[in-house]
Amino acid sequence: MGPLVELVHLVIKIYIYLLIAQAVLSWLVAFGIANRHNRTVSMVGDFLWRITEPLLRPIRRVLPDLGGIDISPVVLILLLWFVDAEILDFYVRYLA
């Protein structure tokens, strides 16, 4: 695989892991397991929010309100998987 394709694949995988970590942390805070006033939890939460929010915000605008359920991370993960698969498929078909 070309170095650029490998880099893009790696960035997408890391971003998916960050989305999952942000969702899990938000559940932990919502259920009172993690305290938002803890400095470490606050710093990690702020970092994850700043990294994931720019791509989640447009998806949240399009999705209908489902009450207290936010499925935008799931939608974004599916979109990222699709983009990753298409990039890898394009590389294998036309550039390899």
Protein backbone atom coordinates (compact mmCIF):
# COMPACT_ATOMS: atom_id res chain seq x y z
CA MET A 1 0.00 0.00 0.00
CA GLY A 2 1.22 3.47 -0.73
CA PRO A 3 2.46 5.57 2.16
CA LEU A 4 -0.25 8.20 1.70
CA VAL A 5 -3.00 5.60 1.63
CA GLU A 6 -1.55 3.96 4.75
CA LEU A 7 -1.45 7.33 6.51
CA VAL A 8 -5.06 8.11 5.63
CA HIS A 9 -6.11 4.62 6.73
CA LEU A 10 -4.30 5.07 10.06
CA VAL A 11 -5.79 8.53 10.67
CA ILE A 12 -9.29 7.20 10.01
CA LYS A 13 -8.75 4.28 12.41
CA ILE A 14 -7.43 6.58 15.15
CA TYR A 15 -10.34 8.98 14.66
CA ILE A 16 -12.82 6.09 14.99
CA TYR A 17 -11.15 5.10 18.27
CA LEU A 18 -11.39 8.71 19.47
CA LEU A 19 -15.10 8.77 18.61
CA ILE A 20 -15.66 5.59 20.61
CA ALA A 21 -13.67 6.99 23.55
CA GLN A 22 -15.71 10.21 23.47
CA ALA A 23 -18.97 8.27 23.47
CA VAL A 24 -17.87 6.01 26.33
CA LEU A 25 -16.65 8.97 28.39
CA SER A 26 -19.93 10.81 27.86
CA TRP A 27 -21.81 7.72 29.10
CA LEU A 28 -19.52 7.44 32.13
CA VAL A 29 -20.15 11.09 33.00
CA ALA A 30 -23.89 10.78 32.39
CA PHE A 31 -24.18 7.76 34.71
CA GLY A 32 -22.06 9.39 37.41
CA ILE A 33 -19.18 6.93 37.17
CA ALA A 34 -16.69 9.58 36.07
CA ASN A 35 -16.75 12.98 37.74
CA ARG A 36 -16.52 15.92 35.35
CA HIS A 37 -14.94 18.02 38.13
CA ASN A 38 -11.93 15.69 38.18
CA ARG A 39 -9.11 17.51 36.39
CA THR A 40 -8.00 14.47 34.35
CA VAL A 41 -11.52 13.58 33.26
CA SER A 42 -12.16 17.21 32.36
CA MET A 43 -8.97 17.48 30.29
CA VAL A 44 -9.58 14.20 28.44
CA GLY A 45 -13.23 15.12 27.84
CA ASP A 46 -12.31 18.56 26.54
CA PHE A 47 -9.68 17.09 24.20
CA LEU A 48 -12.09 14.48 22.84
CA TRP A 49 -14.85 17.07 22.42
CA ARG A 50 -12.54 19.44 20.51
CA ILE A 51 -11.33 16.64 18.23
CA THR A 52 -14.70 15.03 17.47
CA GLU A 53 -17.16 17.91 17.56
CA PRO A 54 -16.21 19.54 14.21
CA LEU A 55 -17.30 16.42 12.30
CA LEU A 56 -20.22 15.51 14.57
CA ARG A 57 -21.90 18.95 14.54
CA PRO A 58 -22.99 18.86 10.85
CA ILE A 59 -24.36 15.34 11.29
CA ARG A 60 -26.34 16.41 14.38
CA ARG A 61 -27.91 19.24 12.38
CA VAL A 62 -29.18 16.81 9.75
CA LEU A 63 -30.38 14.01 12.05
CA PRO A 64 -33.83 14.27 13.62
CA ASP A 65 -34.13 14.69 17.38
CA LEU A 66 -34.36 11.25 18.98
CA GLY A 67 -34.87 12.42 22.54
CA GLY A 68 -31.80 11.80 24.67
CA ILE A 69 -30.13 9.47 22.17
CA ASP A 70 -27.27 10.78 20.07
CA ILE A 71 -26.53 8.49 17.14
CA SER A 72 -24.24 10.94 15.34
CA PRO A 73 -21.05 9.07 16.40
CA VAL A 74 -22.46 5.85 14.93
CA VAL A 75 -23.33 7.64 11.68
CA LEU A 76 -19.87 9.20 11.50
CA ILE A 77 -18.15 5.86 12.19
CA LEU A 78 -20.15 4.25 9.38
CA LEU A 79 -19.25 7.12 7.03
CA LEU A 80 -15.57 6.84 7.95
CA TRP A 81 -15.61 3.07 7.38
CA PHE A 82 -17.20 3.66 3.97
CA VAL A 83 -14.65 6.34 3.01
CA ASP A 84 -11.78 4.14 4.19
CA ALA A 85 -13.06 1.16 2.20
CA GLU A 86 -13.50 3.30 -0.92
CA ILE A 87 -10.00 4.74 -0.64
CA LEU A 88 -8.48 1.29 -0.22
CA ASP A 89 -10.57 -0.08 -3.10
CA PHE A 90 -9.55 2.82 -5.37
CA TYR A 91 -5.90 2.27 -4.51
CA VAL A 92 -6.03 -1.47 -5.15
CA ARG A 93 -7.89 -1.06 -8.45
CA TYR A 94 -6.15 1.87 -10.05
CA LEU A 95 -2.89 2.67 -8.30
CA ALA A 96 -1.41 -0.65 -7.23
